[in-house]
């Protein structure tokens, strides 16, 4: 936790778990001033709350391009108190809610960006793994919520929304792109899909909703 300053955690070897006490003694990450940046080479597992109440940004990145360079978020990630954005990167796949329901949320004009198959590479974004998926797990209630900020989800492979998963922006645009090659993401093979499980919902409010895939887009009941 930090009071009056940001949080910057960088792992250069064996991966990081936030929520369990590891070598560096990390148990969650909360600040009321500055930004939160947690990067790992890799994977990166978020098992405890990451919260920025200062209006600053949150960056969580599992760097690299191997099939093991995954970001798994199993706890709430929230940016409040201003216009802070949340950016989630994985060299391979991003999973939200692997074992329980999670909320990723911003307020005001804060945006949410999720990029699977994108190597953050300490800010010099490079191609990641061509088989990177974004998966909003099957635990009912997984939510990505913004107010006036955009929600942008990109995967070099497919995007999967589990049952009752919800993506909502009250007035910002919501964009899901499978087999994306934007922002340094590696191109995958044609035929990547967007699949929404039963009860999954995308709500753009007053903003636009865009779903782009080179394969099927499946909207379940």
Protein backbone atom coordinates (compact mmCIF):
# COMPACT_ATOMS: atom_id res chain seq x y z
CA UNK A 1 0.00 0.00 0.00
CA UNK A 2 1.12 3.58 -0.62
CA UNK A 3 -0.08 6.84 0.92
CA UNK A 4 1.04 9.95 -0.96
CA UNK A 5 2.87 8.09 -3.76
CA UNK A 6 2.40 5.65 -6.60
CA UNK A 7 3.27 1.94 -6.77
CA UNK A 8 5.73 0.53 -9.31
CA UNK A 9 6.55 -3.19 -9.18
CA UNK A 10 8.70 -4.75 -11.91
CA UNK A 11 9.66 -8.41 -12.03
CA UNK A 12 12.40 -9.45 -14.47
CA UNK A 13 12.42 -13.19 -13.98
CA UNK A 14 9.97 -15.59 -12.43
CA UNK A 15 6.54 -13.97 -12.44
CA UNK A 16 4.53 -12.24 -9.72
CA UNK A 17 1.46 -13.16 -7.70
CA UNK A 18 -0.31 -10.20 -6.09
CA UNK A 19 -2.35 -11.47 -3.16
CA UNK A 20 -0.04 -14.09 -1.80
CA UNK A 21 3.05 -13.08 0.13
CA UNK A 22 5.94 -13.63 -2.26
CA UNK A 23 9.63 -12.71 -2.03
CA UNK A 24 8.85 -9.01 -2.16
CA UNK A 25 6.01 -9.24 0.35
CA UNK A 26 3.26 -8.08 -2.00
CA UNK A 27 -0.27 -8.35 -0.60
CA UNK A 28 -2.63 -6.44 -2.85
CA UNK A 29 -1.86 -2.95 -4.14
CA UNK A 30 -3.66 0.23 -3.09
CA UNK A 31 -2.69 3.88 -3.46
CA UNK A 32 -4.34 7.26 -3.01
CA UNK A 33 -1.74 9.17 -5.05
CA UNK A 34 -0.05 8.52 -8.39
CA UNK A 35 -0.27 5.51 -10.66
CA UNK A 36 -0.05 1.76 -10.07
CA UNK A 37 2.18 -0.23 -12.44
CA UNK A 38 2.83 -3.94 -11.96
CA UNK A 39 4.73 -5.82 -14.66
CA UNK A 40 6.13 -9.34 -14.69
CA UNK A 41 8.17 -11.58 -16.96
CA UNK A 42 5.91 -13.65 -16.50
CA UNK A 43 3.08 -14.76 -15.68
CA UNK A 44 1.24 -12.21 -13.55
CA UNK A 45 -1.53 -13.36 -11.19
CA UNK A 46 -3.76 -10.86 -9.39
CA UNK A 47 -5.33 -12.59 -6.38
CA UNK A 48 -6.00 -9.54 -4.21
CA UNK A 49 -7.59 -6.16 -4.81
CA UNK A 50 -5.75 -3.55 -6.88
CA UNK A 51 -7.26 -0.12 -6.19
CA UNK A 52 -6.26 3.41 -7.15
CA UNK A 53 -8.39 6.05 -5.41
CA UNK A 54 -6.32 9.05 -6.53
CA UNK A 55 -7.59 9.41 -10.09
CA UNK A 56 -4.40 7.80 -11.38
CA UNK A 57 -3.98 4.96 -13.82
CA UNK A 58 -3.53 1.21 -13.27
CA UNK A 59 -1.27 -0.88 -15.50
CA UNK A 60 -0.99 -4.67 -15.13
CA UNK A 61 1.23 -6.43 -17.65
CA UNK A 62 2.49 -9.98 -18.12
CA UNK A 63 5.35 -9.32 -20.51
CA UNK A 64 6.83 -11.60 -23.15
CA UNK A 65 5.55 -13.62 -26.09
CA UNK A 66 5.56 -17.20 -24.79
CA UNK A 67 2.43 -19.30 -24.24
CA UNK A 68 3.00 -18.96 -20.47
CA UNK A 69 3.05 -15.15 -20.45
CA UNK A 70 -0.49 -14.88 -19.10
CA UNK A 71 -2.30 -12.30 -16.98
CA UNK A 72 -4.89 -13.78 -14.63
CA UNK A 73 -7.09 -11.38 -12.66
CA UNK A 74 -8.94 -13.03 -9.77
CA UNK A 75 -9.69 -9.93 -7.71
CA UNK A 76 -11.26 -6.53 -8.30
CA UNK A 77 -9.27 -3.84 -10.12
CA UNK A 78 -10.72 -0.35 -9.65
CA UNK A 79 -9.69 3.21 -10.55
CA UNK A 80 -11.69 5.92 -8.77
CA UNK A 81 -11.30 9.52 -7.63
CA UNK A 82 -10.76 11.05 -11.07
CA UNK A 83 -10.18 10.02 -14.69
CA UNK A 84 -7.73 7.15 -14.23
CA UNK A 85 -7.65 4.40 -16.83
CA UNK A 86 -7.00 0.65 -16.49
CA UNK A 87 -4.70 -1.11 -18.97
CA UNK A 88 -4.29 -4.90 -18.93
CA UNK A 89 -1.64 -6.56 -21.13
CA UNK A 90 -0.52 -10.13 -21.62
CA UNK A 91 2.05 -11.52 -24.01
CA UNK A 92 -0.30 -14.48 -24.31
CA UNK A 93 -3.79 -14.64 -22.73
CA UNK A 94 -5.78 -12.48 -20.32
CA UNK A 95 -8.25 -14.24 -18.01
CA UNK A 96 -10.65 -12.26 -15.84
CA UNK A 97 -12.38 -14.28 -13.12
CA UNK A 98 -10.67 -17.67 -13.32
CA UNK A 99 -11.95 -18.85 -9.92
CA UNK A 100 -14.37 -16.14 -8.77
CA UNK A 101 -16.33 -13.13 -10.00
CA UNK A 102 -14.31 -9.96 -10.46
CA UNK A 103 -15.02 -6.33 -11.27
CA UNK A 104 -12.75 -4.12 -13.38
CA UNK A 105 -14.06 -0.56 -13.26
CA UNK A 106 -13.29 3.11 -13.85
CA UNK A 107 -15.23 6.33 -13.29
CA UNK A 108 -15.68 9.58 -15.22
CA UNK A 109 -13.80 9.38 -18.56
CA UNK A 110 -11.43 6.63 -17.44
CA UNK A 111 -11.04 3.97 -20.11
CA UNK A 112 -10.45 0.22 -19.89
CA UNK A 113 -8.11 -1.50 -22.33
CA UNK A 114 -7.44 -5.25 -22.47
CA UNK A 115 -4.81 -6.59 -24.88
CA UNK A 116 -4.01 -10.30 -25.21
CA UNK A 117 -1.08 -11.28 -27.40
CA UNK A 118 0.59 -7.93 -26.76
CA UNK A 119 4.01 -7.69 -25.08
CA UNK A 120 4.02 -4.47 -23.04
CA UNK A 121 7.83 -4.62 -23.07
CA UNK A 122 8.34 -1.83 -20.53
CA UNK A 123 6.27 0.55 -22.63
CA UNK A 124 7.82 -0.29 -26.01
CA UNK A 125 4.88 -2.46 -27.06
CA UNK A 126 5.87 -5.43 -29.21
CA UNK A 127 4.20 -8.43 -30.80
CA UNK A 128 3.17 -11.11 -28.35
CA UNK A 129 1.88 -14.63 -28.93
CA UNK A 130 -0.43 -15.12 -31.92
CA UNK A 131 -2.70 -17.39 -29.85
CA UNK A 132 -3.58 -14.89 -27.11
CA UNK A 133 -7.20 -15.07 -25.89
CA UNK A 134 -9.27 -12.81 -23.68
CA UNK A 135 -11.49 -14.87 -21.41
CA UNK A 136 -14.14 -13.48 -19.07
CA UNK A 137 -14.67 -16.56 -16.91
CA UNK A 138 -17.86 -18.50 -16.28
CA UNK A 139 -18.33 -17.24 -12.72
CA UNK A 140 -21.52 -15.19 -12.92
CA UNK A 141 -21.02 -11.50 -12.38
CA UNK A 142 -17.66 -10.81 -14.02
CA UNK A 143 -17.93 -7.18 -15.06
CA UNK A 144 -16.00 -4.49 -16.92
CA UNK A 145 -17.60 -1.12 -16.21
CA UNK A 146 -16.81 2.41 -17.36
CA UNK A 147 -18.89 5.59 -17.24
CA UNK A 148 -17.85 7.92 -20.08
CA UNK A 149 -14.66 6.06 -20.95
CA UNK A 150 -14.21 3.62 -23.80
CA UNK A 151 -13.77 -0.13 -23.29
CA UNK A 152 -11.43 -1.69 -25.84
CA UNK A 153 -10.71 -5.46 -25.85
CA UNK A 154 -8.22 -6.90 -28.33
CA UNK A 155 -6.98 -10.48 -28.75
CA UNK A 156 -4.67 -12.02 -31.30
CA UNK A 157 -6.85 -15.13 -31.08
CA UNK A 158 -10.39 -15.22 -29.65
CA UNK A 159 -12.55 -13.40 -27.11
CA UNK A 160 -14.74 -15.51 -24.85
CA UNK A 161 -17.41 -14.11 -22.51
CA UNK A 162 -18.66 -16.57 -19.90
CA UNK A 163 -22.22 -16.86 -18.64
CA UNK A 164 -23.52 -13.62 -17.11
CA UNK A 165 -20.33 -11.68 -17.88
CA UNK A 166 -21.10 -8.01 -18.46
CA UNK A 167 -19.28 -5.22 -20.30
CA UNK A 168 -20.81 -1.78 -19.77
CA UNK A 169 -19.91 1.80 -20.67
CA UNK A 170 -22.63 4.34 -19.96
CA UNK A 171 -21.62 6.67 -22.79
CA UNK A 172 -18.28 5.44 -24.14
CA UNK A 173 -17.71 3.13 -27.07
CA UNK A 174 -17.26 -0.61 -26.53
CA UNK A 175 -15.04 -2.43 -29.04
CA UNK A 176 -14.13 -6.13 -29.15
CA UNK A 177 -11.63 -7.26 -31.79
CA UNK A 178 -10.57 -10.89 -32.28
CA UNK A 179 -7.45 -11.60 -34.37
CA UNK A 180 -6.37 -8.04 -33.71
CA UNK A 181 -3.14 -6.62 -35.08
CA UNK A 182 -3.45 -3.16 -33.55
CA UNK A 183 -1.16 -1.57 -30.99
CA UNK A 184 1.68 -4.05 -31.49
CA UNK A 185 -0.40 -7.20 -31.32
CA UNK A 186 0.77 -10.10 -33.46
CA UNK A 187 -1.61 -11.28 -36.15
CA UNK A 188 -2.95 -14.79 -35.69
CA UNK A 189 -4.71 -17.13 -38.09
CA UNK A 190 -8.00 -16.33 -39.76
CA UNK A 191 -11.08 -17.75 -38.10
CA UNK A 192 -10.71 -16.26 -34.62
CA UNK A 193 -14.06 -15.89 -32.86
CA UNK A 194 -16.02 -13.86 -30.35
CA UNK A 195 -18.29 -16.07 -28.23
CA UNK A 196 -20.80 -14.83 -25.65
CA UNK A 197 -22.18 -17.39 -23.20
CA UNK A 198 -25.78 -17.54 -21.99
CA UNK A 199 -26.67 -14.33 -20.14
CA UNK A 200 -23.54 -12.45 -21.23
CA UNK A 201 -24.25 -8.79 -21.96
CA UNK A 202 -22.53 -5.89 -23.72
CA UNK A 203 -24.13 -2.52 -22.93
CA UNK A 204 -22.86 0.53 -24.76
CA UNK A 205 -25.41 2.95 -23.32
CA UNK A 206 -25.19 6.05 -25.48
CA UNK A 207 -21.94 4.84 -27.06
CA UNK A 208 -21.33 2.56 -30.02
CA UNK A 209 -20.74 -1.19 -29.78
CA UNK A 210 -18.39 -2.82 -32.29
CA UNK A 211 -17.60 -6.55 -32.56
CA UNK A 212 -14.95 -7.56 -35.10
CA UNK A 213 -13.74 -11.11 -35.79
CA UNK A 214 -12.29 -13.01 -38.73
CA UNK A 215 -14.40 -16.03 -37.71
CA UNK A 216 -17.81 -16.44 -36.15
CA UNK A 217 -19.46 -14.08 -33.68
CA UNK A 218 -21.79 -16.09 -31.43
CA UNK A 219 -24.40 -14.27 -29.35
CA UNK A 220 -26.03 -16.76 -26.97
CA UNK A 221 -29.39 -16.31 -25.32
